[in-house]
Amino acid sequence: MPIRIDNDLPVKKILEDENIFVMDEDRAVSQDIRPLEVVILNLMPLKEDTELQLLRSLSNTPLQVNITFIRTGTYEPKNVARKHLERFYTTFDQIRNRRFDGLIITGAPVEKMEFEEVEYWEELTEIMDWSEKNVTSTLHICWGAQAGLYYRYGVHKYDLPEKLSGIYKHYTFHKRTPLVRGFDDSFLVPQSRYTGSNKDEIVANDKLEIVSESEITGPYLIIAEEGKNIFVTGHPEYDTLTLDQEYKRDMEKGLNPAIPCNYYPDDDPTKKPIKSWRCHANTLYFNWLNYYVYQVTPYQL
């Protein structure tokens, strides 16, 4: 089913070239249905890359989906053109009086900092508080998951010995849980982070349930309050070359990063990586939108 985005959003042409059904505004308003309203708080520095990645996965949805992009008002992004932000993004202050079916909080490259040291932390916590009454279900990704687990449920993060980067095998539990419906017994997920969330604190909290994890990377999918809040500790939305770009960027910075695990053929960075996680990513976003948003959201927002 289609996603509805601004006709002039640059990634629209890329999506259409990939044979992804993107509905323009004129056609959307002519349909007598109530579309899902999904707001994306994009905290990633390369915002257009993240837009494309998320919109690819959200294209596999049960209904027409209206997308609203918001950014922080308390922090000025440095890696995206000001014109792009002004044209395609709004701020929380401008949507705080609206209700939405779904909210996505992305990751951010600030995990080495304490949460309270992040420049926009107060604004982020205000958005999370607002979502409790104004959003049917919130999906938190990577650092967004760590931030949500910490603020909402007191789960602390900890530093890893080195950056976790690569494609890792994960497993599902509670296979009747709608979030993992259609998943294989094992599946692959991109991971890219310097920190992890304390598993013991997750297990000890009766409001949280781990439904998927990795023997190497730890908990992956955590559900709270029957899906009111969902936490994804990896990056299922990543493109084929995203880890490659991060690895080469870190090399240029002199950080001497390890080669991403299970990513390059023969662990050779000169060889093109093989995409091996897209089906799982699409299923995950489909299940979230279908079972935790569409099936339970009120018709009248």
Protein backbone atom coordinates (compact mmCIF):
# COMPACT_ATOMS: atom_id res chain seq x y z
CA MET A 1 0.00 0.00 0.00
CA PRO A 2 1.12 3.58 -0.55
CA ILE A 3 2.90 6.05 1.63
CA ARG A 4 1.94 9.68 1.27
CA ILE A 5 4.75 12.22 1.40
CA ASP A 6 5.37 15.72 0.12
CA ASN A 7 5.43 15.79 -3.68
CA ASP A 8 8.76 17.65 -3.66
CA LEU A 9 10.62 15.51 -1.12
CA PRO A 10 13.90 14.58 -2.90
CA VAL A 11 13.76 10.88 -1.95
CA LYS A 12 10.35 10.52 -3.66
CA LYS A 13 12.02 10.04 -7.06
CA ILE A 14 14.35 7.36 -5.66
CA LEU A 15 11.43 5.46 -4.14
CA GLU A 16 9.49 5.57 -7.39
CA ASP A 17 12.54 4.34 -9.33
CA GLU A 18 12.63 1.36 -6.95
CA ASN A 19 9.01 0.56 -7.83
CA ILE A 20 7.74 1.61 -4.41
CA PHE A 21 4.20 2.97 -4.54
CA VAL A 22 4.29 6.59 -3.40
CA MET A 23 0.98 8.43 -3.55
CA ASP A 24 0.97 12.11 -4.43
CA GLU A 25 -1.13 14.57 -2.48
CA ASP A 26 -3.70 15.10 -5.22
CA ARG A 27 -4.58 11.41 -5.44
CA ALA A 28 -4.50 10.95 -1.69
CA VAL A 29 -7.12 13.59 -0.93
CA SER A 30 -9.48 12.05 -3.51
CA GLN A 31 -9.72 8.75 -1.58
CA ASP A 32 -12.54 8.43 0.93
CA ILE A 33 -10.56 6.68 3.67
CA ARG A 34 -8.91 7.65 6.92
CA PRO A 35 -5.13 7.26 6.43
CA LEU A 36 -2.76 6.45 9.26
CA GLU A 37 -0.92 9.48 10.60
CA VAL A 38 2.72 8.68 11.44
CA VAL A 39 5.21 11.25 12.73
CA ILE A 40 8.96 10.60 12.51
CA LEU A 41 11.34 12.37 14.88
CA ASN A 42 14.52 12.19 12.79
CA LEU A 43 17.56 12.59 15.04
CA MET A 44 20.10 11.16 12.59
CA PRO A 45 22.64 13.61 11.11
CA LEU A 46 22.19 12.48 7.48
CA LYS A 47 18.47 13.11 7.45
CA GLU A 48 17.80 12.38 3.79
CA ASP A 49 19.46 8.95 4.09
CA THR A 50 17.27 8.12 7.08
CA GLU A 51 14.16 9.40 5.31
CA LEU A 52 14.81 7.05 2.41
CA GLN A 53 15.58 4.06 4.64
CA LEU A 54 12.45 4.41 6.76
CA LEU A 55 10.13 5.20 3.89
CA ARG A 56 11.27 2.05 2.07
CA SER A 57 10.14 -0.10 4.99
CA LEU A 58 6.97 1.87 5.71
CA SER A 59 5.83 1.34 2.12
CA ASN A 60 4.75 -2.20 3.11
CA THR A 61 1.72 -1.12 5.11
CA PRO A 62 -1.96 -2.08 5.31
CA LEU A 63 -3.32 1.40 4.59
CA GLN A 64 -2.45 4.76 3.18
CA VAL A 65 0.07 6.39 5.54
CA ASN A 66 0.62 10.12 5.91
CA ILE A 67 4.18 10.93 6.98
CA THR A 68 5.14 13.99 9.02
CA PHE A 69 8.82 14.66 9.70
CA ILE A 70 9.81 16.62 12.79
CA ARG A 71 13.19 17.71 14.14
CA THR A 72 14.39 19.12 17.40
CA GLY A 73 13.87 22.80 17.97
CA THR A 74 16.55 23.00 20.66
CA TYR A 75 19.36 21.72 18.42
CA GLU A 76 20.30 22.92 14.94
CA PRO A 77 21.36 20.01 12.65
CA LYS A 78 24.69 20.62 10.90
CA ASN A 79 24.67 17.95 8.17
CA VAL A 80 21.57 18.91 6.21
CA ALA A 81 20.68 21.95 4.15
CA ARG A 82 18.66 24.57 5.95
CA LYS A 83 16.28 24.76 2.98
CA HIS A 84 15.54 21.04 3.29
CA LEU A 85 14.67 21.40 6.97
CA GLU A 86 12.47 24.43 6.38
CA ARG A 87 10.65 22.79 3.46
CA PHE A 88 10.06 19.26 4.73
CA TYR A 89 10.34 19.37 8.53
CA THR A 90 8.35 20.88 11.32
CA THR A 91 9.09 21.13 15.04
CA PHE A 92 7.38 19.59 18.03
CA ASP A 93 5.87 22.93 19.04
CA GLN A 94 4.00 22.98 15.75
CA ILE A 95 2.40 19.53 16.19
CA ARG A 96 2.01 19.26 19.95
CA ASN A 97 -1.75 19.86 19.72
CA ARG A 98 -2.27 17.05 17.20
CA ARG A 99 -2.78 13.32 17.70
CA PHE A 100 -1.01 10.62 15.69
CA ASP A 101 -1.44 6.91 15.15
CA GLY A 102 2.29 6.18 15.26
CA LEU A 103 5.57 7.83 16.25
CA ILE A 104 9.08 6.75 15.26
CA ILE A 105 12.06 8.03 17.25
CA THR A 106 15.28 7.34 15.34
CA GLY A 107 18.79 6.72 16.57
CA ALA A 108 21.36 9.48 17.04
CA PRO A 109 25.20 9.58 17.20
CA VAL A 110 25.28 10.70 20.84
CA GLU A 111 25.43 7.38 22.68
CA LYS A 112 28.84 8.05 24.26
CA MET A 113 27.26 10.95 26.16
CA GLU A 114 25.14 10.64 29.27
CA PHE A 115 21.49 11.07 28.34
CA GLU A 116 21.11 14.26 30.37
CA GLU A 117 24.14 15.78 28.60
CA VAL A 118 22.49 15.58 25.18
CA GLU A 119 21.55 19.08 24.07
CA TYR A 120 17.98 18.19 23.16
CA TRP A 121 17.34 15.71 26.00
CA GLU A 122 14.72 17.84 27.73
CA GLU A 123 12.84 18.32 24.47
CA LEU A 124 13.02 14.59 23.71
CA THR A 125 11.60 13.67 27.11
CA GLU A 126 8.81 16.18 26.57
CA ILE A 127 7.98 14.47 23.28
CA MET A 128 7.99 11.06 24.98
CA ASP A 129 5.64 12.38 27.68
CA TRP A 130 3.38 13.89 25.01
CA SER A 131 3.24 10.60 23.11
CA GLU A 132 1.66 8.79 26.07
CA LYS A 133 -1.65 10.55 25.44
CA ASN A 134 -1.32 11.62 21.82
CA VAL A 135 0.16 8.57 20.01
CA THR A 136 -1.22 5.04 19.76
CA SER A 137 2.21 3.32 19.52
CA THR A 138 5.80 4.57 19.54
CA LEU A 139 8.67 2.75 17.85
CA HIS A 140 12.13 3.58 19.24
CA ILE A 141 15.23 2.73 17.15
CA CYS A 142 18.84 2.15 18.36
CA TRP A 143 19.85 5.16 20.53
CA GLY A 144 16.19 6.15 20.50
CA ALA A 145 15.48 2.73 22.05
CA GLN A 146 18.16 3.21 24.70
CA ALA A 147 16.81 6.68 25.50
CA GLY A 148 13.23 5.42 25.71
CA LEU A 149 14.13 2.44 27.90
CA TYR A 150 16.07 4.74 30.23
CA TYR A 151 13.54 7.55 30.50
CA ARG A 152 10.38 5.47 30.54
CA TYR A 153 11.55 2.42 32.52
CA GLY A 154 14.87 3.26 34.19
CA VAL A 155 17.00 0.89 32.10
CA HIS A 156 20.62 2.08 32.03
CA LYS A 157 23.05 1.82 29.14
CA TYR A 158 26.67 0.70 29.38
CA ASP A 159 29.78 1.12 27.23
CA LEU A 160 30.86 -1.76 25.00
CA PRO A 161 34.57 -2.72 24.75
CA GLU A 162 34.52 -1.61 21.09
CA LYS A 163 31.99 -0.49 18.54
CA LEU A 164 29.44 -3.15 17.65
CA SER A 165 29.23 -3.06 13.86
CA GLY A 166 28.06 -5.70 11.43
CA ILE A 167 25.30 -8.14 10.56
CA TYR A 168 24.34 -10.45 13.43
CA LYS A 169 22.07 -13.47 13.80
CA HIS A 170 19.06 -12.93 16.06
CA TYR A 171 16.39 -15.26 17.44
CA THR A 172 12.73 -14.87 18.33
CA PHE A 173 10.84 -15.81 21.48
CA HIS A 174 7.08 -15.95 22.05
CA LYS A 175 6.39 -16.54 18.37
CA ARG A 176 2.70 -15.86 18.81
CA THR A 177 3.56 -12.24 19.58
CA PRO A 178 2.28 -10.19 16.61
CA LEU A 179 5.49 -8.14 16.37
CA VAL A 180 7.46 -11.21 15.24
CA ARG A 181 4.67 -12.85 13.25
CA GLY A 182 6.13 -14.22 10.01
CA PHE A 183 9.73 -14.13 11.27
CA ASP A 184 12.05 -17.08 10.68
CA ASP A 185 13.55 -18.86 13.70
CA SER A 186 16.73 -16.88 13.08
CA PHE A 187 17.28 -13.74 11.01
CA LEU A 188 19.93 -11.10 10.38
CA VAL A 189 20.02 -7.51 11.64
CA PRO A 190 22.51 -4.64 11.11
CA GLN A 191 23.96 -3.31 14.35
CA SER A 192 26.02 -0.15 14.75
CA ARG A 193 26.55 1.17 18.28
CA TYR A 194 29.02 1.77 21.09
CA THR A 195 26.67 1.00 23.98
CA GLY A 196 24.10 -1.55 25.10
CA SER A 197 21.07 -1.57 27.41
CA ASN A 198 21.22 -3.47 30.68
CA LYS A 199 19.44 -6.81 30.10
CA ASP A 200 19.07 -7.58 33.81
CA GLU A 201 17.12 -4.34 34.30
CA ILE A 202 14.91 -5.16 31.31
CA VAL A 203 14.14 -8.65 32.61
CA ALA A 204 13.45 -7.33 36.12
CA ASN A 205 10.82 -4.86 34.86
CA ASP A 206 7.44 -6.58 34.56
CA LYS A 207 6.30 -3.95 32.05
CA LEU A 208 8.97 -5.04 29.55
CA GLU A 209 9.16 -8.22 27.48
CA ILE A 210 12.07 -9.31 25.27
CA VAL A 211 10.73 -11.05 22.16
CA SER A 212 13.97 -11.25 20.18
CA GLU A 213 17.67 -11.18 20.99
CA SER A 214 21.14 -12.16 19.82
CA GLU A 215 23.69 -14.25 21.70
CA ILE A 216 26.28 -11.62 20.75
CA THR A 217 24.45 -8.30 20.70
CA GLY A 218 21.85 -8.89 23.42
CA PRO A 219 18.14 -7.93 23.48
CA TYR A 220 16.85 -6.73 20.11
CA LEU A 221 13.07 -6.32 20.26
CA ILE A 222 11.45 -5.26 23.52
CA ILE A 223 7.72 -4.64 23.94
CA ALA A 224 6.19 -2.53 26.70
CA GLU A 225 2.56 -2.20 27.75
CA GLU A 226 1.13 -4.41 24.99
CA GLY A 227 2.87 -2.42 22.28
CA LYS A 228 2.27 1.11 23.46
CA ASN A 229 6.06 1.40 23.33
CA ILE A 230 8.34 -0.83 21.24
CA PHE A 231 12.14 -0.76 21.27
CA VAL A 232 14.43 -1.89 18.44
CA THR A 233 18.09 -1.90 19.47
CA GLY A 234 19.50 -2.38 15.94
CA HIS A 235 19.12 -0.75 12.54
CA PRO A 236 16.87 -2.99 10.40
CA GLU A 237 16.18 -0.02 8.11
CA TYR A 238 19.83 0.33 7.04
CA ASP A 239 20.64 0.27 3.32
CA THR A 240 23.10 -2.22 1.86
CA LEU A 241 26.01 0.25 1.93
CA THR A 242 25.28 2.13 5.17
CA LEU A 243 27.73 0.11 7.29
CA ASP A 244 30.29 0.41 4.49
CA GLN A 245 29.96 4.20 4.54
CA GLU A 246 30.29 4.28 8.33
CA TYR A 247 33.37 2.03 8.25
CA LYS A 248 35.13 4.14 5.63
CA ARG A 249 34.18 7.35 7.43
CA ASP A 250 35.72 6.03 10.66
CA MET A 251 38.83 4.93 8.75
CA GLU A 252 39.25 8.44 7.35
CA LYS A 253 38.95 9.82 10.89
CA GLY A 254 41.81 7.58 12.01
CA LEU A 255 39.62 5.62 14.44
CA ASN A 256 41.00 2.28 13.22
CA PRO A 257 37.59 0.54 13.32
CA ALA A 258 37.19 -3.21 13.14
CA ILE A 259 35.81 -4.57 9.86
CA PRO A 260 32.01 -4.91 10.25
CA CYS A 261 31.18 -8.46 11.30
CA ASN A 262 29.62 -10.83 8.70
CA TYR A 263 29.23 -7.95 6.26
CA TYR A 264 31.80 -7.96 3.46
CA PRO A 265 32.32 -11.19 1.45
CA ASP A 266 35.49 -12.83 2.84
CA ASP A 267 35.78 -9.85 5.23
CA ASP A 268 37.21 -7.89 2.30
CA PRO A 269 36.15 -4.21 2.39
CA THR A 270 36.88 -3.93 -1.35
CA LYS A 271 34.00 -6.33 -2.10
CA LYS A 272 30.39 -5.19 -2.26
CA PRO A 273 28.29 -6.26 0.74
CA ILE A 274 25.31 -8.55 0.20
CA LYS A 275 21.91 -7.36 1.44
CA SER A 276 20.54 -10.07 3.73
CA TRP A 277 18.13 -8.37 6.15
CA ARG A 278 15.55 -6.43 4.10
CA CYS A 279 12.75 -9.05 4.30
CA HIS A 280 12.96 -9.06 8.09
CA ALA A 281 13.00 -5.26 8.21
CA ASN A 282 9.91 -4.96 6.02
CA THR A 283 8.07 -7.57 8.10
CA LEU A 284 8.96 -5.77 11.32
CA TYR A 285 7.61 -2.41 10.15
CA PHE A 286 4.54 -4.05 8.63
CA ASN A 287 3.77 -5.86 11.89
CA TRP A 288 4.20 -2.69 13.94
CA LEU A 289 1.90 -0.66 11.73
CA ASN A 290 -0.68 -3.39 11.34
CA TYR A 291 -0.96 -4.97 14.79
CA TYR A 292 0.09 -2.14 17.11
CA VAL A 293 -1.19 0.87 15.19
CA TYR A 294 -3.90 0.13 12.61
CA GLN A 295 -5.70 -2.60 14.56
CA VAL A 296 -5.96 -0.60 17.78
CA THR A 297 -5.90 3.09 16.89
CA PRO A 298 -9.20 4.99 17.19
CA TYR A 299 -10.88 5.94 13.94
CA GLN A 300 -11.33 9.49 15.17
CA LEU A 301 -7.95 10.85 16.26
